[in-house]
Amino acid sequence: MLHLPVMFEQVMDGLRVLHPEVELRCTSQGPAVAWVDPERAARVMANLLTNAIAHGKDGAPVCVSFREGDGEVWMDVHNDGGA
């Protein structure tokens, strides 16, 4: 079982090196744990963040939130993109 916000923080750390001008934020409501393949989950997370950075407004933060409910984990990615 994987704690998704912890993994996401690791993915964000790597992207902060590549995009120091972008503020990356992560919040979680609940533990947000799931049975997932760690490598694939990290790849999906990196792709979502990279897209949010590429298509967001310059200087706007990228915010990610996790929430749990009814046996599911939801991940939302938000940017102030105009695309």
PDB file of N, CA and C in Angstrom:
ATOM      1  N   MET A   1       0.851  -1.173   0.000  1.00  0.00           N
ATOM      2  CA  MET A   1       0.000   0.000   0.000  1.00  0.00           C
ATOM      3  C   MET A   1       0.895   1.235   0.000  1.00  0.00           C
ATOM      4  N   LEU A   2       0.525   2.211  -0.793  1.00  0.00           N
ATOM      5  CA  LEU A   2       1.362   3.385  -0.995  1.00  0.00           C
ATOM      6  C   LEU A   2       0.633   4.643  -0.530  1.00  0.00           C
ATOM      7  N   HIS A   3       1.340   5.476   0.211  1.00  0.00           N
ATOM      8  CA  HIS A   3       0.805   6.753   0.656  1.00  0.00           C
ATOM      9  C   HIS A   3       1.045   7.750  -0.475  1.00  0.00           C
ATOM     10  N   LEU A   4       0.017   8.061  -1.241  1.00  0.00           N
ATOM     11  CA  LEU A   4       0.173   8.844  -2.471  1.00  0.00           C
ATOM     12  C   LEU A   4       0.730  10.253  -2.261  1.00  0.00           C
ATOM     13  N   PRO A   5       0.304  11.003  -1.238  1.00  0.00           N
ATOM     14  CA  PRO A   5       0.893  12.338  -1.068  1.00  0.00           C
ATOM     15  C   PRO A   5       2.404  12.311  -0.815  1.00  0.00           C
ATOM     16  N   VAL A   6       2.885  11.280  -0.120  1.00  0.00           N
ATOM     17  CA  VAL A   6       4.333  11.167   0.117  1.00  0.00           C
ATOM     18  C   VAL A   6       5.046  10.935  -1.208  1.00  0.00           C
ATOM     19  N   MET A   7       4.511  10.040  -2.025  1.00  0.00           N
ATOM     20  CA  MET A   7       5.115   9.789  -3.332  1.00  0.00           C
ATOM     21  C   MET A   7       5.058  11.058  -4.181  1.00  0.00           C
ATOM     22  N   PHE A   8       3.951  11.763  -4.112  1.00  0.00           N
ATOM     23  CA  PHE A   8       3.801  12.966  -4.916  1.00  0.00           C
ATOM     24  C   PHE A   8       4.819  14.027  -4.525  1.00  0.00           C
ATOM     25  N   GLU A   9       5.105  14.145  -3.241  1.00  0.00           N
ATOM     26  CA  GLU A   9       6.129  15.092  -2.782  1.00  0.00           C
ATOM     27  C   GLU A   9       7.478  14.764  -3.422  1.00  0.00           C
ATOM     28  N   GLN A  10       7.787  13.479  -3.553  1.00  0.00           N
ATOM     29  CA  GLN A  10       9.043  13.077  -4.192  1.00  0.00           C
ATOM     30  C   GLN A  10       9.055  13.471  -5.661  1.00  0.00           C
ATOM     31  N   VAL A  11       7.929  13.278  -6.345  1.00  0.00           N
ATOM     32  CA  VAL A  11       7.827  13.668  -7.753  1.00  0.00           C
ATOM     33  C   VAL A  11       7.979  15.185  -7.870  1.00  0.00           C
ATOM     34  N   MET A  12       7.324  15.930  -6.966  1.00  0.00           N
ATOM     35  CA  MET A  12       7.415  17.390  -7.002  1.00  0.00           C
ATOM     36  C   MET A  12       8.837  17.864  -6.743  1.00  0.00           C
ATOM     37  N   ASP A  13       9.562  17.186  -5.860  1.00  0.00           N
ATOM     38  CA  ASP A  13      10.953  17.569  -5.594  1.00  0.00           C
ATOM     39  C   ASP A  13      11.778  17.525  -6.879  1.00  0.00           C
ATOM     40  N   GLY A  14      11.584  16.481  -7.676  1.00  0.00           N
ATOM     41  CA  GLY A  14      12.305  16.379  -8.945  1.00  0.00           C
ATOM     42  C   GLY A  14      11.925  17.475  -9.912  1.00  0.00           C
ATOM     43  N   LEU A  15      10.644  17.820  -9.962  1.00  0.00           N
ATOM     44  CA  LEU A  15      10.201  18.858 -10.885  1.00  0.00           C
ATOM     45  C   LEU A  15      10.571  20.255 -10.407  1.00  0.00           C
ATOM     46  N   ARG A  16      10.733  20.428  -9.117  1.00  0.00           N
ATOM     47  CA  ARG A  16      11.173  21.739  -8.598  1.00  0.00           C
ATOM     48  C   ARG A  16      12.575  22.081  -9.091  1.00  0.00           C
ATOM     49  N   VAL A  17      13.390  21.065  -9.273  1.00  0.00           N
ATOM     50  CA  VAL A  17      14.742  21.284  -9.794  1.00  0.00           C
ATOM     51  C   VAL A  17      14.654  21.769 -11.243  1.00  0.00           C
ATOM     52  N   LEU A  18      13.749  21.188 -12.017  1.00  0.00           N
ATOM     53  CA  LEU A  18      13.604  21.550 -13.429  1.00  0.00           C
ATOM     54  C   LEU A  18      12.822  22.843 -13.633  1.00  0.00           C
ATOM     55  N   HIS A  19      11.936  23.169 -12.679  1.00  0.00           N
ATOM     56  CA  HIS A  19      11.067  24.347 -12.814  1.00  0.00           C
ATOM     57  C   HIS A  19      11.049  25.144 -11.515  1.00  0.00           C
ATOM     58  N   PRO A  20      12.168  25.755 -11.148  1.00  0.00           N
ATOM     59  CA  PRO A  20      12.218  26.473  -9.867  1.00  0.00           C
ATOM     60  C   PRO A  20      11.307  27.702  -9.820  1.00  0.00           C
ATOM     61  N   GLU A  21      10.856  28.169 -10.973  1.00  0.00           N
ATOM     62  CA  GLU A  21      10.000  29.354 -11.024  1.00  0.00           C
ATOM     63  C   GLU A  21       8.539  29.045 -10.687  1.00  0.00           C
ATOM     64  N   VAL A  22       8.182  27.769 -10.605  1.00  0.00           N
ATOM     65  CA  VAL A  22       6.801  27.370 -10.367  1.00  0.00           C
ATOM     66  C   VAL A  22       6.636  26.878  -8.927  1.00  0.00           C
ATOM     67  N   GLU A  23       5.642  27.441  -8.244  1.00  0.00           N
ATOM     68  CA  GLU A  23       5.328  26.975  -6.896  1.00  0.00           C
ATOM     69  C   GLU A  23       4.423  25.746  -7.002  1.00  0.00           C
ATOM     70  N   LEU A  24       4.861  24.648  -6.418  1.00  0.00           N
ATOM     71  CA  LEU A  24       4.088  23.407  -6.428  1.00  0.00           C
ATOM     72  C   LEU A  24       3.567  23.152  -5.018  1.00  0.00           C
ATOM     73  N   ARG A  25       2.261  22.927  -4.894  1.00  0.00           N
ATOM     74  CA  ARG A  25       1.632  22.707  -3.590  1.00  0.00           C
ATOM     75  C   ARG A  25       0.906  21.372  -3.587  1.00  0.00           C
ATOM     76  N   CYS A  26       0.881  20.734  -2.423  1.00  0.00           N
ATOM     77  CA  CYS A  26       0.182  19.463  -2.281  1.00  0.00           C
ATOM     78  C   CYS A  26      -0.550  19.432  -0.944  1.00  0.00           C
ATOM     79  N   THR A  27      -1.833  19.074  -0.970  1.00  0.00           N
ATOM     80  CA  THR A  27      -2.612  18.913   0.248  1.00  0.00           C
ATOM     81  C   THR A  27      -3.311  17.554   0.208  1.00  0.00           C
ATOM     82  N   SER A  28      -3.684  17.076   1.381  1.00  0.00           N
ATOM     83  CA  SER A  28      -4.362  15.787   1.459  1.00  0.00           C
ATOM     84  C   SER A  28      -5.427  15.818   2.540  1.00  0.00           C
ATOM     85  N   GLN A  29      -6.600  15.325   2.208  1.00  0.00           N
ATOM     86  CA  GLN A  29      -7.666  15.125   3.169  1.00  0.00           C
ATOM     87  C   GLN A  29      -7.741  13.632   3.442  1.00  0.00           C
ATOM     88  N   GLY A  30      -7.158  13.228   4.547  1.00  0.00           N
ATOM     89  CA  GLY A  30      -7.071  11.804   4.846  1.00  0.00           C
ATOM     90  C   GLY A  30      -5.746  11.245   4.395  1.00  0.00           C
ATOM     91  N   PRO A  31      -5.512   9.980   4.691  1.00  0.00           N
ATOM     92  CA  PRO A  31      -4.204   9.383   4.384  1.00  0.00           C
ATOM     93  C   PRO A  31      -3.942   9.158   2.899  1.00  0.00           C
ATOM     94  N   ALA A  32      -4.967   8.992   2.077  1.00  0.00           N
ATOM     95  CA  ALA A  32      -4.823   8.800   0.625  1.00  0.00           C
ATOM     96  C   ALA A  32      -3.837   7.685   0.304  1.00  0.00           C
ATOM     97  N   VAL A  33      -4.166   6.478   0.743  1.00  0.00           N
ATOM     98  CA  VAL A  33      -3.338   5.313   0.464  1.00  0.00           C
ATOM     99  C   VAL A  33      -4.043   4.426  -0.554  1.00  0.00           C
ATOM    100  N   ALA A  34      -3.243   3.761  -1.388  1.00  0.00           N
ATOM    101  CA  ALA A  34      -3.814   2.911  -2.435  1.00  0.00           C
ATOM    102  C   ALA A  34      -2.813   1.825  -2.817  1.00  0.00           C
ATOM    103  N   TRP A  35      -3.349   0.751  -3.363  1.00  0.00           N
ATOM    104  CA  TRP A  35      -2.511  -0.305  -3.925  1.00  0.00           C
ATOM    105  C   TRP A  35      -2.247   0.067  -5.381  1.00  0.00           C
ATOM    106  N   VAL A  36      -1.067   0.567  -5.658  1.00  0.00           N
ATOM    107  CA  VAL A  36      -0.705   0.982  -7.015  1.00  0.00           C
ATOM    108  C   VAL A  36       0.724   0.542  -7.319  1.00  0.00           C
ATOM    109  N   ASP A  37       1.034   0.465  -8.595  1.00  0.00           N
ATOM    110  CA  ASP A  37       2.403   0.223  -9.023  1.00  0.00           C
ATOM    111  C   ASP A  37       3.162   1.538  -8.825  1.00  0.00           C
ATOM    112  N   PRO A  38       4.186   1.568  -7.968  1.00  0.00           N
ATOM    113  CA  PRO A  38       4.877   2.819  -7.661  1.00  0.00           C
ATOM    114  C   PRO A  38       5.478   3.518  -8.875  1.00  0.00           C
ATOM    115  N   GLU A  39       6.077   2.766  -9.781  1.00  0.00           N
ATOM    116  CA  GLU A  39       6.704   3.381 -10.955  1.00  0.00           C
ATOM    117  C   GLU A  39       5.667   4.007 -11.876  1.00  0.00           C
ATOM    118  N   ARG A  40       4.574   3.306 -12.111  1.00  0.00           N
ATOM    119  CA  ARG A  40       3.535   3.850 -12.989  1.00  0.00           C
ATOM    120  C   ARG A  40       2.828   5.032 -12.345  1.00  0.00           C
ATOM    121  N   ALA A  41       2.574   4.934 -11.053  1.00  0.00           N
ATOM    122  CA  ALA A  41       1.920   6.049 -10.352  1.00  0.00           C
ATOM    123  C   ALA A  41       2.805   7.293 -10.409  1.00  0.00           C
ATOM    124  N   ALA A  42       4.109   7.126 -10.207  1.00  0.00           N
ATOM    125  CA  ALA A  42       5.028   8.263 -10.272  1.00  0.00           C
ATOM    126  C   ALA A  42       5.048   8.857 -11.675  1.00  0.00           C
ATOM    127  N   ARG A  43       5.000   8.006 -12.692  1.00  0.00           N
ATOM    128  CA  ARG A  43       5.003   8.484 -14.079  1.00  0.00           C
ATOM    129  C   ARG A  43       3.728   9.278 -14.383  1.00  0.00           C
ATOM    130  N   VAL A  44       2.581   8.772 -13.928  1.00  0.00           N
ATOM    131  CA  VAL A  44       1.321   9.485 -14.140  1.00  0.00           C
ATOM    132  C   VAL A  44       1.357  10.839 -13.432  1.00  0.00           C
ATOM    133  N   MET A  45       1.821  10.832 -12.195  1.00  0.00           N
ATOM    134  CA  MET A  45       1.903  12.080 -11.429  1.00  0.00           C
ATOM    135  C   MET A  45       2.830  13.086 -12.104  1.00  0.00           C
ATOM    136  N   ALA A  46       3.979  12.621 -12.568  1.00  0.00           N
ATOM    137  CA  ALA A  46       4.934  13.509 -13.241  1.00  0.00           C
ATOM    138  C   ALA A  46       4.332  14.075 -14.528  1.00  0.00           C
ATOM    139  N   ASN A  47       3.618  13.241 -15.284  1.00  0.00           N
ATOM    140  CA  ASN A  47       2.988  13.715 -16.520  1.00  0.00           C
ATOM    141  C   ASN A  47       1.925  14.769 -16.230  1.00  0.00           C
ATOM    142  N   LEU A  48       1.095  14.534 -15.214  1.00  0.00           N
ATOM    143  CA  LEU A  48       0.059  15.510 -14.866  1.00  0.00           C
ATOM    144  C   LEU A  48       0.674  16.836 -14.433  1.00  0.00           C
ATOM    145  N   LEU A  49       1.705  16.761 -13.606  1.00  0.00           N
ATOM    146  CA  LEU A  49       2.357  17.994 -13.152  1.00  0.00           C
ATOM    147  C   LEU A  49       3.054  18.717 -14.294  1.00  0.00           C
ATOM    148  N   THR A  50       3.733  17.988 -15.142  1.00  0.00           N
ATOM    149  CA  THR A  50       4.426  18.593 -16.279  1.00  0.00           C
ATOM    150  C   THR A  50       3.427  19.300 -17.187  1.00  0.00           C
ATOM    151  N   ASN A  51       2.282  18.678 -17.433  1.00  0.00           N
ATOM    152  CA  ASN A  51       1.245  19.319 -18.249  1.00  0.00           C
ATOM    153  C   ASN A  51       0.700  20.569 -17.572  1.00  0.00           C
ATOM    154  N   ALA A  52       0.481  20.490 -16.264  1.00  0.00           N
ATOM    155  CA  ALA A  52      -0.034  21.658 -15.535  1.00  0.00           C
ATOM    156  C   ALA A  52       0.969  22.808 -15.578  1.00  0.00           C
ATOM    157  N   ILE A  53       2.246  22.491 -15.478  1.00  0.00           N
ATOM    158  CA  ILE A  53       3.280  23.520 -15.551  1.00  0.00           C
ATOM    159  C   ILE A  53       3.334  24.122 -16.959  1.00  0.00           C
ATOM    160  N   ALA A  54       3.306  23.257 -17.967  1.00  0.00           N
ATOM    161  CA  ALA A  54       3.428  23.714 -19.355  1.00  0.00           C
ATOM    162  C   ALA A  54       2.236  24.563 -19.792  1.00  0.00           C
ATOM    163  N   HIS A  55       1.058  24.259 -19.293  1.00  0.00           N
ATOM    164  CA  HIS A  55      -0.145  24.933 -19.772  1.00  0.00           C
ATOM    165  C   HIS A  55      -0.711  25.926 -18.764  1.00  0.00           C
ATOM    166  N   GLY A  56       0.002  26.152 -17.672  1.00  0.00           N
ATOM    167  CA  GLY A  56      -0.454  27.112 -16.671  1.00  0.00           C
ATOM    168  C   GLY A  56       0.010  28.519 -16.973  1.00  0.00           C
ATOM    169  N   LYS A  57      -0.601  29.454 -16.299  1.00  0.00           N
ATOM    170  CA  LYS A  57      -0.209  30.856 -16.428  1.00  0.00           C
ATOM    171  C   LYS A  57       1.164  31.040 -15.790  1.00  0.00           C
ATOM    172  N   ASP A  58       2.045  31.796 -16.424  1.00  0.00           N
ATOM    173  CA  ASP A  58       3.380  32.049 -15.889  1.00  0.00           C
ATOM    174  C   ASP A  58       3.278  32.620 -14.478  1.00  0.00           C
ATOM    175  N   GLY A  59       4.030  32.037 -13.569  1.00  0.00           N
ATOM    176  CA  GLY A  59       4.071  32.518 -12.198  1.00  0.00           C
ATOM    177  C   GLY A  59       2.948  32.010 -11.313  1.00  0.00           C
ATOM    178  N   ALA A  60       1.959  31.332 -11.875  1.00  0.00           N
ATOM    179  CA  ALA A  60       0.847  30.810 -11.085  1.00  0.00           C
ATOM    180  C   ALA A  60       1.243  29.463 -10.462  1.00  0.00           C
ATOM    181  N   PRO A  61       0.796  29.206  -9.246  1.00  0.00           N
ATOM    182  CA  PRO A  61       1.124  27.928  -8.616  1.00  0.00           C
ATOM    183  C   PRO A  61       0.354  26.772  -9.247  1.00  0.00           C
ATOM    184  N   VAL A  62       0.890  25.578  -9.089  1.00  0.00           N
ATOM    185  CA  VAL A  62       0.199  24.352  -9.454  1.00  0.00           C
ATOM    186  C   VAL A  62      -0.154  23.671  -8.141  1.00  0.00           C
ATOM    187  N   CYS A  63      -1.432  23.401  -7.952  1.00  0.00           N
ATOM    188  CA  CYS A  63      -1.914  22.835  -6.697  1.00  0.00           C
ATOM    189  C   CYS A  63      -2.471  21.435  -6.933  1.00  0.00           C
ATOM    190  N   VAL A  64      -2.067  20.513  -6.092  1.00  0.00           N
ATOM    191  CA  VAL A  64      -2.532  19.138  -6.162  1.00  0.00           C
ATOM    192  C   VAL A  64      -3.177  18.799  -4.831  1.00  0.00           C
ATOM    193  N   SER A  65      -4.336  18.160  -4.881  1.00  0.00           N
ATOM    194  CA  SER A  65      -4.984  17.742  -3.647  1.00  0.00           C
ATOM    195  C   SER A  65      -5.437  16.290  -3.767  1.00  0.00           C
ATOM    196  N   PHE A  66      -5.344  15.595  -2.654  1.00  0.00           N
ATOM    197  CA  PHE A  66      -5.795  14.213  -2.559  1.00  0.00           C
ATOM    198  C   PHE A  66      -6.944  14.159  -1.569  1.00  0.00           C
ATOM    199  N   ARG A  67      -7.926  13.303  -1.862  1.00  0.00           N
ATOM    200  CA  ARG A  67      -9.004  13.066  -0.907  1.00  0.00           C
ATOM    201  C   ARG A  67      -9.476  11.622  -1.046  1.00  0.00           C
ATOM    202  N   GLU A  68      -9.984  11.099   0.042  1.00  0.00           N
ATOM    203  CA  GLU A  68     -10.479   9.727   0.067  1.00  0.00           C
ATOM    204  C   GLU A  68     -11.967   9.714   0.330  1.00  0.00           C
ATOM    205  N   GLY A  69     -12.634   8.711  -0.192  1.00  0.00           N
ATOM    206  CA  GLY A  69     -14.043   8.524   0.094  1.00  0.00           C
ATOM    207  C   GLY A  69     -14.577   7.286  -0.576  1.00  0.00           C
ATOM    208  N   ASP A  70     -15.390   6.541   0.142  1.00  0.00           N
ATOM    209  CA  ASP A  70     -16.033   5.335  -0.396  1.00  0.00           C
ATOM    210  C   ASP A  70     -15.038   4.363  -1.026  1.00  0.00           C
ATOM    211  N   GLY A  71     -13.869   4.208  -0.401  1.00  0.00           N
ATOM    212  CA  GLY A  71     -12.878   3.255  -0.895  1.00  0.00           C
ATOM    213  C   GLY A  71     -12.104   3.733  -2.110  1.00  0.00           C
ATOM    214  N   GLU A  72     -12.218   4.998  -2.440  1.00  0.00           N
ATOM    215  CA  GLU A  72     -11.505   5.554  -3.590  1.00  0.00           C
ATOM    216  C   GLU A  72     -10.604   6.694  -3.143  1.00  0.00           C
ATOM    217  N   VAL A  73      -9.574   6.942  -3.945  1.00  0.00           N
ATOM    218  CA  VAL A  73      -8.706   8.100  -3.726  1.00  0.00           C
ATOM    219  C   VAL A  73      -8.813   8.975  -4.968  1.00  0.00           C
ATOM    220  N   TRP A  74      -9.049  10.258  -4.742  1.00  0.00           N
ATOM    221  CA  TRP A  74      -9.164  11.225  -5.830  1.00  0.00           C
ATOM    222  C   TRP A  74      -7.966  12.162  -5.789  1.00  0.00           C
ATOM    223  N   MET A  75      -7.445  12.473  -6.947  1.00  0.00           N
ATOM    224  CA  MET A  75      -6.347  13.418  -7.053  1.00  0.00           C
ATOM    225  C   MET A  75      -6.783  14.521  -8.017  1.00  0.00           C
ATOM    226  N   ASP A  76      -6.723  15.762  -7.556  1.00  0.00           N
ATOM    227  CA  ASP A  76      -7.076  16.912  -8.384  1.00  0.00           C
ATOM    228  C   ASP A  76      -5.819  17.739  -8.635  1.00  0.00           C
ATOM    229  N   VAL A  77      -5.636  18.152  -9.876  1.00  0.00           N
ATOM    230  CA  VAL A  77      -4.527  19.032 -10.246  1.00  0.00           C
ATOM    231  C   VAL A  77      -5.135  20.325 -10.772  1.00  0.00           C
ATOM    232  N   HIS A  78      -4.694  21.440 -10.216  1.00  0.00           N
ATOM    233  CA  HIS A  78      -5.265  22.729 -10.625  1.00  0.00           C
ATOM    234  C   HIS A  78      -4.144  23.708 -10.948  1.00  0.00           C
ATOM    235  N   ASN A  79      -4.316  24.422 -12.040  1.00  0.00           N
ATOM    236  CA  ASN A  79      -3.440  25.540 -12.382  1.00  0.00           C
ATOM    237  C   ASN A  79      -4.315  26.663 -12.907  1.00  0.00           C
ATOM    238  N   ASP A  80      -3.763  27.828 -13.027  1.00  0.00           N
ATOM    239  CA  ASP A  80      -4.505  28.951 -13.603  1.00  0.00           C
ATOM    240  C   ASP A  80      -4.169  29.059 -15.081  1.00  0.00           C
ATOM    241  N   GLY A  81      -4.413  27.982 -15.789  1.00  0.00           N
ATOM    242  CA  GLY A  81      -4.062  27.931 -17.206  1.00  0.00           C
ATOM    243  C   GLY A  81      -5.079  28.594 -18.083  1.00  0.00           C
ATOM    244  N   GLY A  82      -4.605  29.104 -19.162  1.00  0.00           N
ATOM    245  CA  GLY A  82      -5.483  29.725 -20.139  1.00  0.00           C
ATOM    246  C   GLY A  82      -5.657  28.873 -21.374  1.00  0.00           C
ATOM    247  N   ALA A  83      -4.952  27.747 -21.399  1.00  0.00           N
ATOM    248  CA  ALA A  83      -4.995  26.893 -22.595  1.00  0.00           C
ATOM    249  C   ALA A  83      -6.169  25.948 -22.579  1.00  0.00           C
TER     250      ALA A  83
END
